Amino acid sequence: MSESVDPLLRDLLAWIGSDGKPYAEVMDAWRTSCPRLPVWEDANERGFVTRARIDGMNMILITPDGRSFLAHES
């Protein structure tokens, strides 16, 4: 399954970008109930993203592990 999710994980991380995205925007775009493509869930489980409160807003940021994963595209 990893091979099929990895490209989508890279898409998610690239979309979040270096400045992060608001949590609600990420959830609207990436949360899924599809058990075959758990992109958001995999990103969390692998430690590629984190939630932080910045200027009173819940944000999703890429972790160092996420940046490393994104940098090693295949």
N, C-alpha and C. Protein backbone atom coordinates (compact mmCIF):
# COMPACT_ATOMS: atom_id res chain seq x y z
N MET A 1 0.83 -1.20 0.00
CA MET A 1 0.00 0.00 0.00
C MET A 1 0.87 1.25 0.00
N SER A 2 2.02 1.20 0.61
CA SER A 2 2.88 2.38 0.74
C SER A 2 3.19 3.00 -0.62
N GLU A 3 3.46 2.15 -1.61
CA GLU A 3 3.81 2.67 -2.93
C GLU A 3 2.69 3.50 -3.53
N SER A 4 1.45 3.12 -3.27
CA SER A 4 0.33 3.86 -3.85
C SER A 4 0.02 5.14 -3.09
N VAL A 5 0.35 5.18 -1.80
CA VAL A 5 0.06 6.36 -0.99
C VAL A 5 1.20 7.38 -1.03
N ASP A 6 2.43 6.92 -1.22
CA ASP A 6 3.58 7.84 -1.18
C ASP A 6 3.47 9.02 -2.14
N PRO A 7 3.07 8.82 -3.40
CA PRO A 7 2.93 9.99 -4.27
C PRO A 7 1.88 10.98 -3.76
N LEU A 8 0.82 10.47 -3.18
CA LEU A 8 -0.21 11.36 -2.63
C LEU A 8 0.30 12.08 -1.38
N LEU A 9 1.11 11.39 -0.58
CA LEU A 9 1.73 12.05 0.57
C LEU A 9 2.62 13.20 0.11
N ARG A 10 3.37 12.99 -0.95
CA ARG A 10 4.21 14.06 -1.49
C ARG A 10 3.34 15.22 -1.98
N ASP A 11 2.22 14.91 -2.62
CA ASP A 11 1.30 15.96 -3.06
C ASP A 11 0.77 16.76 -1.87
N LEU A 12 0.38 16.05 -0.82
CA LEU A 12 -0.13 16.72 0.38
C LEU A 12 0.92 17.63 0.98
N LEU A 13 2.12 17.12 1.17
CA LEU A 13 3.18 17.92 1.79
C LEU A 13 3.56 19.12 0.93
N ALA A 14 3.64 18.93 -0.38
CA ALA A 14 3.95 20.05 -1.27
C ALA A 14 2.84 21.09 -1.22
N TRP A 15 1.61 20.64 -1.13
CA TRP A 15 0.46 21.56 -1.06
C TRP A 15 0.48 22.35 0.24
N ILE A 16 0.81 21.70 1.35
CA ILE A 16 0.89 22.40 2.63
C ILE A 16 1.98 23.47 2.56
N GLY A 17 3.10 23.12 1.96
CA GLY A 17 4.17 24.09 1.75
C GLY A 17 4.90 24.49 3.02
N SER A 18 5.88 25.35 2.85
CA SER A 18 6.74 25.74 3.96
C SER A 18 6.06 26.64 4.98
N ASP A 19 5.00 27.32 4.58
CA ASP A 19 4.30 28.22 5.50
C ASP A 19 3.15 27.55 6.23
N GLY A 20 2.80 26.33 5.84
CA GLY A 20 1.69 25.64 6.46
C GLY A 20 0.35 26.09 5.89
N LYS A 21 -0.69 25.43 6.34
CA LYS A 21 -2.06 25.74 5.92
C LYS A 21 -2.95 25.69 7.14
N PRO A 22 -4.04 26.45 7.12
CA PRO A 22 -5.01 26.35 8.22
C PRO A 22 -5.58 24.92 8.30
N TYR A 23 -5.75 24.45 9.52
CA TYR A 23 -6.26 23.10 9.77
C TYR A 23 -7.56 22.84 9.02
N ALA A 24 -8.50 23.77 9.10
CA ALA A 24 -9.80 23.57 8.44
C ALA A 24 -9.65 23.40 6.93
N GLU A 25 -8.75 24.15 6.33
CA GLU A 25 -8.51 24.04 4.89
C GLU A 25 -7.93 22.67 4.53
N VAL A 26 -7.00 22.20 5.36
CA VAL A 26 -6.41 20.87 5.12
C VAL A 26 -7.47 19.79 5.26
N MET A 27 -8.30 19.90 6.28
CA MET A 27 -9.35 18.89 6.48
C MET A 27 -10.34 18.89 5.32
N ASP A 28 -10.72 20.06 4.84
CA ASP A 28 -11.65 20.13 3.72
C ASP A 28 -11.07 19.46 2.48
N ALA A 29 -9.78 19.63 2.27
CA ALA A 29 -9.15 19.14 1.05
C ALA A 29 -8.67 17.68 1.15
N TRP A 30 -8.22 17.24 2.32
CA TRP A 30 -7.50 15.97 2.39
C TRP A 30 -8.09 14.89 3.27
N ARG A 31 -8.97 15.20 4.17
CA ARG A 31 -9.51 14.13 5.02
C ARG A 31 -10.41 13.24 4.18
N THR A 32 -10.30 11.96 4.40
CA THR A 32 -11.10 11.01 3.64
C THR A 32 -11.57 9.88 4.54
N SER A 33 -12.64 9.27 4.17
CA SER A 33 -13.09 8.09 4.89
C SER A 33 -12.77 6.83 4.09
N CYS A 34 -12.03 7.00 3.02
CA CYS A 34 -11.68 5.86 2.17
C CYS A 34 -10.53 5.07 2.82
N PRO A 35 -10.76 3.82 3.20
CA PRO A 35 -9.69 3.06 3.85
C PRO A 35 -8.55 2.69 2.91
N ARG A 36 -8.75 2.82 1.62
CA ARG A 36 -7.69 2.46 0.67
C ARG A 36 -6.72 3.62 0.41
N LEU A 37 -7.13 4.85 0.68
CA LEU A 37 -6.26 6.00 0.45
C LEU A 37 -6.25 6.91 1.69
N PRO A 38 -5.66 6.43 2.76
CA PRO A 38 -5.65 7.19 4.01
C PRO A 38 -4.50 8.20 4.04
N VAL A 39 -4.46 9.13 3.10
CA VAL A 39 -3.33 10.04 2.96
C VAL A 39 -3.13 10.88 4.22
N TRP A 40 -4.18 11.53 4.69
CA TRP A 40 -4.07 12.37 5.88
C TRP A 40 -3.65 11.53 7.08
N GLU A 41 -4.27 10.38 7.24
CA GLU A 41 -3.96 9.51 8.36
C GLU A 41 -2.52 9.03 8.31
N ASP A 42 -2.05 8.64 7.12
CA ASP A 42 -0.66 8.20 6.97
C ASP A 42 0.32 9.32 7.27
N ALA A 43 0.02 10.52 6.82
CA ALA A 43 0.91 11.66 7.08
C ALA A 43 1.05 11.88 8.59
N ASN A 44 -0.04 11.74 9.32
CA ASN A 44 0.01 11.87 10.78
C ASN A 44 0.77 10.71 11.42
N GLU A 45 0.46 9.50 11.02
CA GLU A 45 1.10 8.32 11.61
C GLU A 45 2.60 8.31 11.38
N ARG A 46 3.03 8.78 10.22
CA ARG A 46 4.47 8.81 9.92
C ARG A 46 5.17 10.03 10.51
N GLY A 47 4.41 10.92 11.12
CA GLY A 47 5.00 12.09 11.75
C GLY A 47 5.43 13.16 10.75
N PHE A 48 4.78 13.20 9.59
CA PHE A 48 5.14 14.16 8.55
C PHE A 48 4.50 15.53 8.75
N VAL A 49 3.44 15.59 9.54
CA VAL A 49 2.75 16.86 9.79
C VAL A 49 2.50 17.01 11.28
N THR A 50 2.30 18.26 11.69
CA THR A 50 1.97 18.57 13.07
C THR A 50 1.00 19.73 13.09
N ARG A 51 0.28 19.84 14.18
CA ARG A 51 -0.66 20.96 14.34
C ARG A 51 -0.03 21.95 15.32
N ALA A 52 -0.16 23.23 15.01
CA ALA A 52 0.34 24.28 15.89
C ALA A 52 -0.65 25.44 15.87
N ARG A 53 -0.69 26.17 16.96
CA ARG A 53 -1.54 27.36 17.04
C ARG A 53 -0.64 28.56 16.79
N ILE A 54 -0.92 29.28 15.70
CA ILE A 54 -0.12 30.43 15.30
C ILE A 54 -1.06 31.61 15.13
N ASP A 55 -0.78 32.68 15.86
CA ASP A 55 -1.62 33.88 15.81
C ASP A 55 -3.10 33.55 15.98
N GLY A 56 -3.39 32.65 16.92
CA GLY A 56 -4.77 32.30 17.23
C GLY A 56 -5.43 31.36 16.23
N MET A 57 -4.67 30.84 15.28
CA MET A 57 -5.24 29.98 14.24
C MET A 57 -4.59 28.60 14.30
N ASN A 58 -5.40 27.55 14.22
CA ASN A 58 -4.87 26.19 14.14
C ASN A 58 -4.28 25.97 12.76
N MET A 59 -2.99 25.63 12.74
CA MET A 59 -2.27 25.45 11.48
C MET A 59 -1.70 24.04 11.40
N ILE A 60 -1.54 23.55 10.18
CA ILE A 60 -0.85 22.30 9.91
C ILE A 60 0.49 22.67 9.29
N LEU A 61 1.55 22.12 9.88
CA LEU A 61 2.91 22.39 9.42
C LEU A 61 3.60 21.08 9.08
N ILE A 62 4.56 21.14 8.19
CA ILE A 62 5.36 19.97 7.83
C ILE A 62 6.47 19.84 8.86
N THR A 63 6.68 18.64 9.36
CA THR A 63 7.74 18.36 10.32
C THR A 63 9.07 18.15 9.58
N PRO A 64 10.17 18.12 10.32
CA PRO A 64 11.45 17.77 9.67
C PRO A 64 11.39 16.42 8.94
N ASP A 65 10.71 15.43 9.53
CA ASP A 65 10.56 14.13 8.83
C ASP A 65 9.78 14.28 7.54
N GLY A 66 8.76 15.11 7.55
CA GLY A 66 7.98 15.38 6.34
C GLY A 66 8.79 16.07 5.27
N ARG A 67 9.61 17.04 5.68
CA ARG A 67 10.48 17.73 4.72
C ARG A 67 11.50 16.77 4.12
N SER A 68 12.03 15.87 4.96
CA SER A 68 13.00 14.88 4.48
C SER A 68 12.34 13.94 3.48
N PHE A 69 11.14 13.47 3.79
CA PHE A 69 10.39 12.60 2.88
C PHE A 69 10.14 13.30 1.54
N LEU A 70 9.76 14.55 1.61
CA LEU A 70 9.46 15.32 0.40
C LEU A 70 10.73 15.53 -0.43
N ALA A 71 11.85 15.74 0.24
CA ALA A 71 13.11 15.99 -0.45
C ALA A 71 13.65 14.74 -1.16
N HIS A 72 13.25 13.57 -0.71
CA HIS A 72 13.73 12.32 -1.30
C HIS A 72 12.71 11.71 -2.23
N GLU A 73 12.21 12.51 -3.14
CA GLU A 73 11.23 12.00 -4.11
C GLU A 73 11.88 10.93 -4.96
N SER A 74 11.07 9.96 -5.30
CA SER A 74 11.60 8.88 -6.15
C SER A 74 11.21 9.10 -7.58
